[in-house]
Amino acid sequence: MSYNPYDNVLATVENAAKILGYAKDEYEVVKYPERELKVNIPVKMDDGSIRVFEGFRVQHSTARGPAKGGIRFHQNVNKDEVKALSAWMTFKCATADIPYGGGKGGIIVNPSELSSGELERLTRRFAKEIAPIIGPDKDIPAPDVGTNAELMGWFLDSYNTVTSSHSPAVVTGKPLCLGGSKGRNEATGRGIMFNTMYLLEKHNIDIHDATIAIQGMGNVGSQSARLLHEAGAKIVAVSDVSGGAFNPNGLNISAICAYLAEKKGNTLAGYNEEGLVRISNEELLESDVTVLIPAALENQINADNADKIRAKMIVEGANGPTTVEADEILEKKGIPVVPDILANSGGVVVSYFEWVQNKQGYYWEEDEVNEKLRAKMYSAFNAVYDMAKEKNVSMRTGAYLISLKRVVEAEKARGI
């Protein structure tokens, strides 16, 4: 039987509703996306042929505000995944208490197989196809897996052309010169750093005494590593698609980040330093550290390896890195997990700040952005931590209790 990620969302909603004592009628609407759009995107390839790509935009909820969520370009994109991700965005925005609902988009494509020109034509055509349902007050896309600020620039230009408008607030994660926000690029990693520091604080562990392992050295993992390293933590293990690197005395994170950024295609396999030991991704996940940060792909901590996890605590950098079965095992082992919808919400919080700046036409300095992010993360972390303690549940369940409550309250206030 194939795994449907949306079933996972439904199970989570049902569980949270049960703990909150909701009648079925009170939360039934949350189980269904408001709108699902499927588009076929014809693109003229460099060789002159026409190729048609399949794309999706799903708006899960607009009860608390416009839909918000990224656009991913990946060969494994499918409608159920986009539906699940749009629902997670609803709960992520509600957990962070920003006035957004959840949305998500995706195109079935391997972006590494396309030239820059083909990617631009694909992005522009997709923007045109979904333009009728998006807008600064309706649905605000952003970059996600396989997309970046450059693509958001193309997307913005196409939307403005189609609508004959100047609407920088229609998309976030844009280049600074088009109305992007300072601090956006490292916002997800900074949010993970804040959550890690707050968790260590709750357990009376000084950050200088903490050892950290980070799976995944993409934007999120590398920024988390750099910021935690600068804050005084010892990063002893990191990994990417080529495998992992371990150094019990702490890795030279500055040198690693510089090497990976130096040239496209550079991986950890080509990096070396004194005392470095090569390890596998599996070994990294099972390393004996204070904090494990899975910041790669979903389902990395699962029923097969959860028993072998030796980290004292986990902060989820990726979306859905821990399966439901693994969650139960980790809970029995007493390993606290800061869930993805809280831990990696720094990106969407600063996207919200970008949107606010666009709508005001007034832009903040990076220090101001970072300070506002710190305040938001502190408030969200403590609300989730306190809810988990009060109800004697995991922090993941605590986050869903808070977010579902906020969404249901908004639906009720609207008379739905």
Protein backbone atom coordinates (compact mmCIF):
# COMPACT_ATOMS: atom_id res chain seq x y z
CA MET A 1 0.00 0.00 0.00
CA SER A 2 1.41 3.41 -0.96
CA TYR A 3 1.97 6.05 1.73
CA ASN A 4 -0.32 9.07 1.50
CA PRO A 5 1.09 12.03 3.50
CA TYR A 6 -2.36 13.63 3.71
CA ASP A 7 -3.57 10.66 5.80
CA ASN A 8 -0.87 11.64 8.31
CA VAL A 9 -2.30 15.18 8.45
CA LEU A 10 -5.82 13.82 9.05
CA ALA A 11 -4.60 11.54 11.85
CA THR A 12 -2.83 14.47 13.52
CA VAL A 13 -5.94 16.68 13.29
CA GLU A 14 -8.15 13.91 14.74
CA ASN A 15 -5.74 13.37 17.64
CA ALA A 16 -5.50 17.08 18.49
CA ALA A 17 -9.29 17.54 18.21
CA LYS A 18 -9.84 14.61 20.58
CA ILE A 19 -7.50 16.08 23.23
CA LEU A 20 -9.18 19.49 22.87
CA GLY A 21 -12.59 17.83 23.28
CA TYR A 22 -13.95 19.13 19.97
CA ALA A 23 -17.13 17.73 18.47
CA LYS A 24 -16.68 16.55 14.87
CA ASP A 25 -18.64 19.53 13.49
CA GLU A 26 -16.19 21.96 15.08
CA TYR A 27 -13.13 20.78 13.15
CA GLU A 28 -14.53 18.86 10.16
CA VAL A 29 -13.86 21.76 7.74
CA VAL A 30 -10.12 21.74 8.66
CA LYS A 31 -9.77 18.24 7.19
CA TYR A 32 -10.47 19.47 3.64
CA PRO A 33 -8.44 21.89 1.50
CA GLU A 34 -10.50 24.87 0.35
CA ARG A 35 -9.18 24.79 -3.20
CA GLU A 36 -7.04 22.49 -5.37
CA LEU A 37 -5.83 23.63 -8.78
CA LYS A 38 -4.09 21.34 -11.28
CA VAL A 39 -2.51 22.93 -14.33
CA ASN A 40 -0.72 21.65 -17.42
CA ILE A 41 2.25 23.84 -18.33
CA PRO A 42 3.51 23.74 -21.94
CA VAL A 43 7.16 24.81 -22.25
CA LYS A 44 9.28 25.27 -25.36
CA MET A 45 12.53 23.43 -24.68
CA ASP A 46 15.95 24.54 -25.93
CA ASP A 47 15.85 21.96 -28.73
CA GLY A 48 12.61 23.46 -30.06
CA SER A 49 10.32 20.67 -28.79
CA ILE A 50 7.28 21.30 -26.59
CA ARG A 51 7.11 19.53 -23.24
CA VAL A 52 4.07 19.65 -20.97
CA PHE A 53 4.66 19.68 -17.19
CA GLU A 54 2.07 19.01 -14.50
CA GLY A 55 1.71 21.56 -11.71
CA PHE A 56 -0.44 22.11 -8.62
CA ARG A 57 -1.48 24.88 -6.24
CA VAL A 58 -3.47 23.89 -3.16
CA GLN A 59 -4.99 26.35 -0.69
CA HIS A 60 -5.74 24.46 2.51
CA SER A 61 -7.15 27.27 4.63
CA THR A 62 -7.66 31.03 4.47
CA ALA A 63 -9.54 31.29 7.78
CA ARG A 64 -6.74 33.26 9.48
CA GLY A 65 -5.53 35.17 6.42
CA PRO A 66 -4.24 34.68 2.85
CA ALA A 67 -2.83 31.25 1.99
CA LYS A 68 0.95 31.08 2.36
CA GLY A 69 3.39 28.47 1.15
CA GLY A 70 6.24 27.64 -1.16
CA ILE A 71 6.50 26.26 -4.68
CA ARG A 72 8.65 23.17 -5.10
CA PHE A 73 10.18 21.86 -8.32
CA HIS A 74 10.87 18.15 -7.81
CA GLN A 75 10.40 14.95 -9.80
CA ASN A 76 8.47 13.31 -6.92
CA VAL A 77 5.89 16.08 -6.48
CA ASN A 78 2.30 14.79 -6.46
CA LYS A 79 -1.11 16.16 -5.49
CA ASP A 80 -1.29 14.37 -2.12
CA GLU A 81 2.13 15.67 -1.09
CA VAL A 82 1.16 19.25 -2.05
CA LYS A 83 -2.13 18.86 -0.13
CA ALA A 84 -0.29 17.65 2.97
CA LEU A 85 2.30 20.43 2.76
CA SER A 86 -0.43 23.07 2.37
CA ALA A 87 -2.13 21.79 5.54
CA TRP A 88 1.20 21.80 7.42
CA MET A 89 1.59 25.45 6.35
CA THR A 90 -1.81 26.25 7.90
CA PHE A 91 -0.65 24.77 11.21
CA LYS A 92 2.85 26.27 10.95
CA CYS A 93 1.48 29.80 10.45
CA ALA A 94 -1.03 29.31 13.29
CA THR A 95 1.70 27.96 15.63
CA ALA A 96 3.86 31.02 14.90
CA ASP A 97 0.72 33.17 15.29
CA ILE A 98 1.09 35.05 12.02
CA PRO A 99 -2.07 36.08 10.08
CA TYR A 100 -1.84 33.53 7.28
CA GLY A 101 -3.52 30.33 6.23
CA GLY A 102 -1.74 27.53 4.40
CA GLY A 103 -1.01 26.90 0.73
CA LYS A 104 1.53 25.03 -1.35
CA GLY A 105 2.50 24.59 -4.97
CA GLY A 106 4.59 22.19 -6.97
CA ILE A 107 5.64 21.10 -10.44
CA ILE A 108 6.67 17.56 -11.36
CA VAL A 109 10.15 18.29 -12.74
CA ASN A 110 13.80 17.63 -12.01
CA PRO A 111 15.13 21.21 -12.16
CA SER A 112 18.75 20.02 -12.52
CA GLU A 113 17.82 18.58 -15.94
CA LEU A 114 16.61 21.95 -17.26
CA SER A 115 18.68 24.85 -18.56
CA SER A 116 18.30 28.29 -17.00
CA GLY A 117 16.18 29.38 -19.98
CA GLU A 118 13.89 26.35 -19.69
CA LEU A 119 13.48 26.94 -15.95
CA GLU A 120 12.58 30.57 -16.57
CA ARG A 121 9.96 29.69 -19.20
CA LEU A 122 8.51 27.00 -16.90
CA THR A 123 8.33 29.39 -13.93
CA ARG A 124 6.78 32.21 -15.94
CA ARG A 125 4.14 29.95 -17.49
CA PHE A 126 3.27 28.45 -14.10
CA ALA A 127 2.83 31.97 -12.67
CA LYS A 128 0.46 32.78 -15.54
CA GLU A 129 -1.55 29.57 -15.02
CA ILE A 130 -2.09 30.05 -11.28
CA ALA A 131 -2.41 33.89 -11.40
CA PRO A 132 -6.25 33.80 -11.12
CA ILE A 133 -6.14 32.30 -7.61
CA ILE A 134 -3.09 34.03 -6.12
CA GLY A 135 -2.45 37.62 -5.05
CA PRO A 136 -1.09 39.70 -2.13
CA ASP A 137 -4.39 39.30 -0.25
CA LYS A 138 -5.30 35.81 -1.53
CA ASP A 139 -2.30 33.49 -1.72
CA ILE A 140 1.39 34.35 -1.45
CA PRO A 141 3.90 31.80 -2.86
CA ALA A 142 7.60 31.54 -1.90
CA PRO A 143 10.65 29.39 -2.72
CA ASP A 144 10.80 25.77 -1.59
CA VAL A 145 12.69 22.63 -2.65
CA GLY A 146 14.21 23.18 -6.10
CA THR A 147 13.33 26.88 -6.31
CA ASN A 148 15.10 30.05 -5.16
CA ALA A 149 15.06 33.87 -5.11
CA GLU A 150 15.92 34.11 -8.82
CA LEU A 151 12.83 32.07 -9.75
CA MET A 152 10.69 34.22 -7.45
CA GLY A 153 11.91 37.26 -9.40
CA TRP A 154 10.69 35.68 -12.66
CA PHE A 155 7.46 34.65 -10.97
CA LEU A 156 6.83 38.18 -9.67
CA ASP A 157 7.53 39.76 -13.06
CA SER A 158 5.13 37.38 -14.84
CA TYR A 159 2.36 37.93 -12.27
CA ASN A 160 2.74 41.70 -12.54
CA THR A 161 2.65 41.47 -16.34
CA VAL A 162 -0.50 39.30 -16.36
CA THR A 163 -2.31 41.51 -13.83
CA SER A 164 -0.92 44.85 -15.14
CA SER A 165 0.08 45.75 -11.58
CA HIS A 166 3.06 46.42 -9.33
CA SER A 167 2.51 43.86 -6.57
CA PRO A 168 5.77 42.97 -4.80
CA ALA A 169 3.73 41.41 -1.94
CA VAL A 170 2.42 38.59 -4.17
CA VAL A 171 5.52 36.48 -3.51
CA THR A 172 8.17 36.32 -0.77
CA GLY A 173 11.76 35.10 -0.81
CA LYS A 174 12.49 37.57 -3.63
CA PRO A 175 15.85 39.22 -4.39
CA LEU A 176 16.45 42.32 -2.23
CA CYS A 177 16.34 44.60 -5.28
CA LEU A 178 12.73 43.50 -5.96
CA GLY A 179 11.49 44.04 -2.40
CA GLY A 180 12.95 41.03 -0.62
CA SER A 181 13.63 41.26 3.11
CA LYS A 182 17.03 41.47 4.72
CA GLY A 183 17.60 38.37 6.87
CA ARG A 184 15.26 36.16 4.80
CA ASN A 185 17.96 33.87 3.41
CA GLU A 186 19.10 32.68 6.84
CA ALA A 187 15.73 33.03 8.61
CA THR A 188 14.90 29.30 8.76
CA GLY A 189 18.36 28.47 10.11
CA ARG A 190 18.16 31.35 12.59
CA GLY A 191 14.77 30.09 13.80
CA ILE A 192 16.29 26.63 14.32
CA MET A 193 19.14 28.20 16.29
CA PHE A 194 16.68 30.07 18.53
CA ASN A 195 14.59 26.93 19.13
CA THR A 196 17.71 24.89 19.92
CA MET A 197 18.88 27.51 22.42
CA TYR A 198 15.46 27.71 24.09
CA LEU A 199 15.27 23.89 24.38
CA LEU A 200 18.77 23.68 25.90
CA GLU A 201 17.80 26.44 28.33
CA LYS A 202 14.71 24.51 29.46
CA HIS A 203 16.97 21.53 30.21
CA ASN A 204 19.59 23.68 31.99
CA ILE A 205 22.30 22.92 29.42
CA ASP A 206 24.74 25.70 28.53
CA ILE A 207 25.12 26.04 24.75
CA HIS A 208 28.92 25.92 25.16
CA ASP A 209 28.55 22.42 26.66
CA ALA A 210 26.28 21.16 23.86
CA THR A 211 27.36 18.89 21.00
CA ILE A 212 25.28 18.99 17.82
CA ALA A 213 24.85 16.77 14.74
CA ILE A 214 23.15 18.20 11.64
CA GLN A 215 21.84 16.03 8.81
CA GLY A 216 21.71 18.02 5.57
CA MET A 217 23.96 20.91 4.57
CA GLY A 218 21.66 22.74 2.17
CA ASN A 219 20.60 26.31 2.96
CA VAL A 220 18.75 25.35 6.17
CA GLY A 221 21.37 22.96 7.56
CA SER A 222 24.39 25.10 6.72
CA GLN A 223 22.84 28.30 8.13
CA SER A 224 21.80 26.42 11.30
CA ALA A 225 25.32 25.02 11.65
CA ARG A 226 26.97 28.41 11.14
CA LEU A 227 24.68 30.30 13.53
CA LEU A 228 24.85 27.64 16.28
CA HIS A 229 28.64 27.48 15.89
CA GLU A 230 28.82 31.28 16.25
CA ALA A 231 26.59 31.05 19.35
CA GLY A 232 29.16 28.74 20.98
CA ALA A 233 27.86 25.21 20.28
CA LYS A 234 30.21 22.45 19.17
CA ILE A 235 29.07 20.99 15.84
CA VAL A 236 30.62 17.51 15.82
CA ALA A 237 28.86 15.96 12.80
CA VAL A 238 27.30 17.15 9.51
CA SER A 239 26.22 15.31 6.38
CA ASP A 240 24.94 15.78 2.84
CA VAL A 241 24.10 13.50 -0.11
CA SER A 242 27.74 12.37 -0.30
CA GLY A 243 27.85 11.18 3.32
CA GLY A 244 28.92 12.65 6.65
CA ALA A 245 31.86 14.19 8.46
CA PHE A 246 32.57 13.73 12.17
CA ASN A 247 35.10 15.37 14.47
CA PRO A 248 34.76 14.82 18.25
CA ASN A 249 36.61 18.10 18.88
CA GLY A 250 34.16 20.07 16.74
CA LEU A 251 34.19 20.66 12.99
CA ASN A 252 35.50 23.84 11.36
CA ILE A 253 32.03 25.01 10.28
CA SER A 254 33.26 28.25 8.69
CA ALA A 255 35.64 26.29 6.44
CA ILE A 256 32.97 23.70 5.57
CA CYS A 257 30.38 26.35 4.63
CA ALA A 258 32.97 28.25 2.55
CA TYR A 259 33.99 25.05 0.71
CA LEU A 260 30.38 24.02 -0.05
CA ALA A 261 29.51 27.52 -1.32
CA GLU A 262 32.71 27.91 -3.36
CA LYS A 263 31.62 25.91 -6.39
CA LYS A 264 28.37 24.33 -7.53
CA GLY A 265 28.61 20.58 -7.06
CA ASN A 266 30.98 20.72 -4.08
CA THR A 267 30.00 18.14 -1.44
CA LEU A 268 31.39 17.04 1.91
CA ALA A 269 33.11 14.12 0.14
CA GLY A 270 35.68 16.60 -1.20
CA TYR A 271 36.27 18.38 2.10
CA ASN A 272 38.93 17.46 4.64
CA GLU A 273 40.35 18.78 7.89
CA GLU A 274 42.56 17.45 10.69
CA GLY A 275 40.73 14.92 12.87
CA LEU A 276 37.83 14.45 10.44
CA VAL A 277 36.31 10.98 10.26
CA ARG A 278 34.00 9.94 7.39
CA ILE A 279 30.63 8.62 8.58
CA SER A 280 27.38 7.63 6.87
CA ASN A 281 24.09 9.49 7.15
CA GLU A 282 22.83 6.59 9.29
CA GLU A 283 25.77 6.93 11.67
CA LEU A 284 25.14 10.67 11.96
CA LEU A 285 21.50 10.12 12.94
CA GLU A 286 22.59 7.63 15.59
CA SER A 287 25.49 9.70 16.98
CA ASP A 288 25.78 10.36 20.70
CA VAL A 289 25.16 14.13 20.86
CA THR A 290 23.17 16.64 22.89
CA VAL A 291 21.05 17.79 19.91
CA LEU A 292 20.28 16.12 16.60
CA ILE A 293 18.99 18.41 13.83
CA PRO A 294 17.57 16.47 10.86
CA ALA A 295 17.54 19.13 8.12
CA ALA A 296 17.46 16.96 4.99
CA LEU A 297 14.44 14.96 3.79
CA GLU A 298 11.25 13.59 5.31
CA ASN A 299 10.97 10.23 7.12
CA GLN A 300 14.68 10.09 8.07
CA ILE A 301 13.93 9.03 11.66
CA ASN A 302 11.61 6.05 11.33
CA ALA A 303 10.56 2.77 12.91
CA ASP A 304 13.82 1.14 11.73
CA ASN A 305 16.24 3.51 13.44
CA ALA A 306 14.33 5.39 16.19
CA ASP A 307 15.46 2.84 18.80
CA LYS A 308 19.09 3.60 17.93
CA ILE A 309 18.82 7.38 18.34
CA ARG A 310 21.21 8.48 21.10
CA ALA A 311 20.75 12.26 20.93
CA LYS A 312 19.33 13.77 24.12
CA MET A 313 16.96 15.98 22.10
CA ILE A 314 15.88 16.63 18.51
CA VAL A 315 15.11 19.88 16.69
CA GLU A 316 13.48 19.26 13.30
CA GLY A 317 14.97 21.38 10.52
CA ALA A 318 13.33 19.54 7.62
CA ASN A 319 9.60 19.08 7.04
CA GLY A 320 8.38 15.73 8.36
CA PRO A 321 11.76 14.13 9.17
CA THR A 322 10.21 11.91 11.88
CA THR A 323 7.52 9.32 11.14
CA VAL A 324 4.52 8.73 13.42
CA GLU A 325 5.95 5.34 14.51
CA ALA A 326 9.33 6.92 15.34
CA ASP A 327 7.61 9.68 17.33
CA GLU A 328 6.08 7.07 19.65
CA ILE A 329 9.45 5.37 20.16
CA LEU A 330 11.23 8.68 20.87
CA GLU A 331 8.51 9.66 23.35
CA LYS A 332 8.94 6.36 25.22
CA LYS A 333 12.69 7.00 25.32
CA GLY A 334 12.04 10.46 26.78
CA ILE A 335 13.70 12.32 23.90
CA PRO A 336 12.03 15.74 23.45
CA VAL A 337 11.40 16.78 19.84
CA VAL A 338 10.87 20.39 18.74
CA PRO A 339 8.51 19.72 15.79
CA ASP A 340 9.03 21.03 12.26
CA ILE A 341 5.99 23.31 12.36
CA LEU A 342 7.67 25.23 15.20
CA ALA A 343 11.40 24.62 14.67
CA ASN A 344 11.65 25.63 11.00
CA SER A 345 8.99 28.36 11.01
CA GLY A 346 11.61 31.14 10.98
CA GLY A 347 11.41 31.20 7.18
CA VAL A 348 7.68 31.83 7.02
CA VAL A 349 7.86 34.37 9.87
CA VAL A 350 10.40 36.47 7.94
CA SER A 351 8.35 35.92 4.76
CA TYR A 352 5.49 37.51 6.71
CA PHE A 353 7.82 40.41 7.62
CA GLU A 354 8.74 40.73 3.91
CA TRP A 355 5.04 40.88 2.97
CA VAL A 356 4.39 43.54 5.65
CA GLN A 357 7.33 45.62 4.37
CA ASN A 358 6.08 45.29 0.77
CA LYS A 359 2.60 46.43 1.75
CA GLN A 360 3.98 49.37 3.76
CA GLY A 361 6.59 50.31 1.18
CA TYR A 362 8.98 50.72 4.12
CA TYR A 363 11.95 48.41 4.71
CA TRP A 364 13.71 47.35 7.92
CA GLU A 365 17.39 46.84 8.67
CA GLU A 366 18.60 43.27 9.23
CA ASP A 367 19.05 43.73 13.00
CA GLU A 368 15.41 44.76 13.30
CA VAL A 369 14.26 41.73 11.26
CA ASN A 370 16.35 39.36 13.41
CA GLU A 371 15.12 40.89 16.65
CA LYS A 372 11.46 40.65 15.56
CA LEU A 373 12.10 37.00 14.55
CA ARG A 374 13.68 36.25 17.95
CA ALA A 375 10.65 37.69 19.75
CA LYS A 376 8.20 35.67 17.58
CA MET A 377 10.16 32.43 18.05
CA TYR A 378 10.45 32.95 21.82
CA SER A 379 6.71 33.49 22.16
CA ALA A 380 5.83 30.50 19.93
CA PHE A 381 8.31 28.14 21.63
CA ASN A 382 7.07 28.95 25.12
CA ALA A 383 3.41 28.64 24.11
CA VAL A 384 4.07 25.15 22.68
CA TYR A 385 6.32 24.07 25.56
CA ASP A 386 3.76 25.19 28.15
CA MET A 387 0.86 23.53 26.31
CA ALA A 388 2.83 20.25 26.12
CA LYS A 389 3.53 20.39 29.84
CA GLU A 390 -0.06 21.32 30.72
CA LYS A 391 -1.60 18.48 28.69
CA ASN A 392 1.29 16.05 29.37
CA VAL A 393 1.86 15.48 25.64
CA SER A 394 4.80 15.82 23.23
CA MET A 395 5.79 19.23 21.88
CA ARG A 396 4.52 18.13 18.46
CA THR A 397 1.07 17.44 19.88
CA GLY A 398 1.31 20.69 21.86
CA ALA A 399 1.98 22.63 18.64
CA TYR A 400 -0.99 21.01 16.90
CA LEU A 401 -3.25 21.72 19.89
CA ILE A 402 -2.37 25.42 19.74
CA SER A 403 -2.59 25.68 15.95
CA LEU A 404 -5.83 23.70 15.56
CA LYS A 405 -7.42 25.76 18.34
CA ARG A 406 -6.46 29.00 16.55
CA VAL A 407 -7.77 27.80 13.17
CA VAL A 408 -11.05 26.47 14.63
CA GLU A 409 -11.58 29.72 16.55
CA ALA A 410 -11.14 31.70 13.31
CA GLU A 411 -13.59 29.40 11.46
CA LYS A 412 -16.13 29.80 14.28
CA ALA A 413 -15.73 33.59 14.36
CA ARG A 414 -16.50 33.62 10.63
CA GLY A 415 -19.65 31.64 11.28
CA ILE A 416 -18.43 28.50 9.48
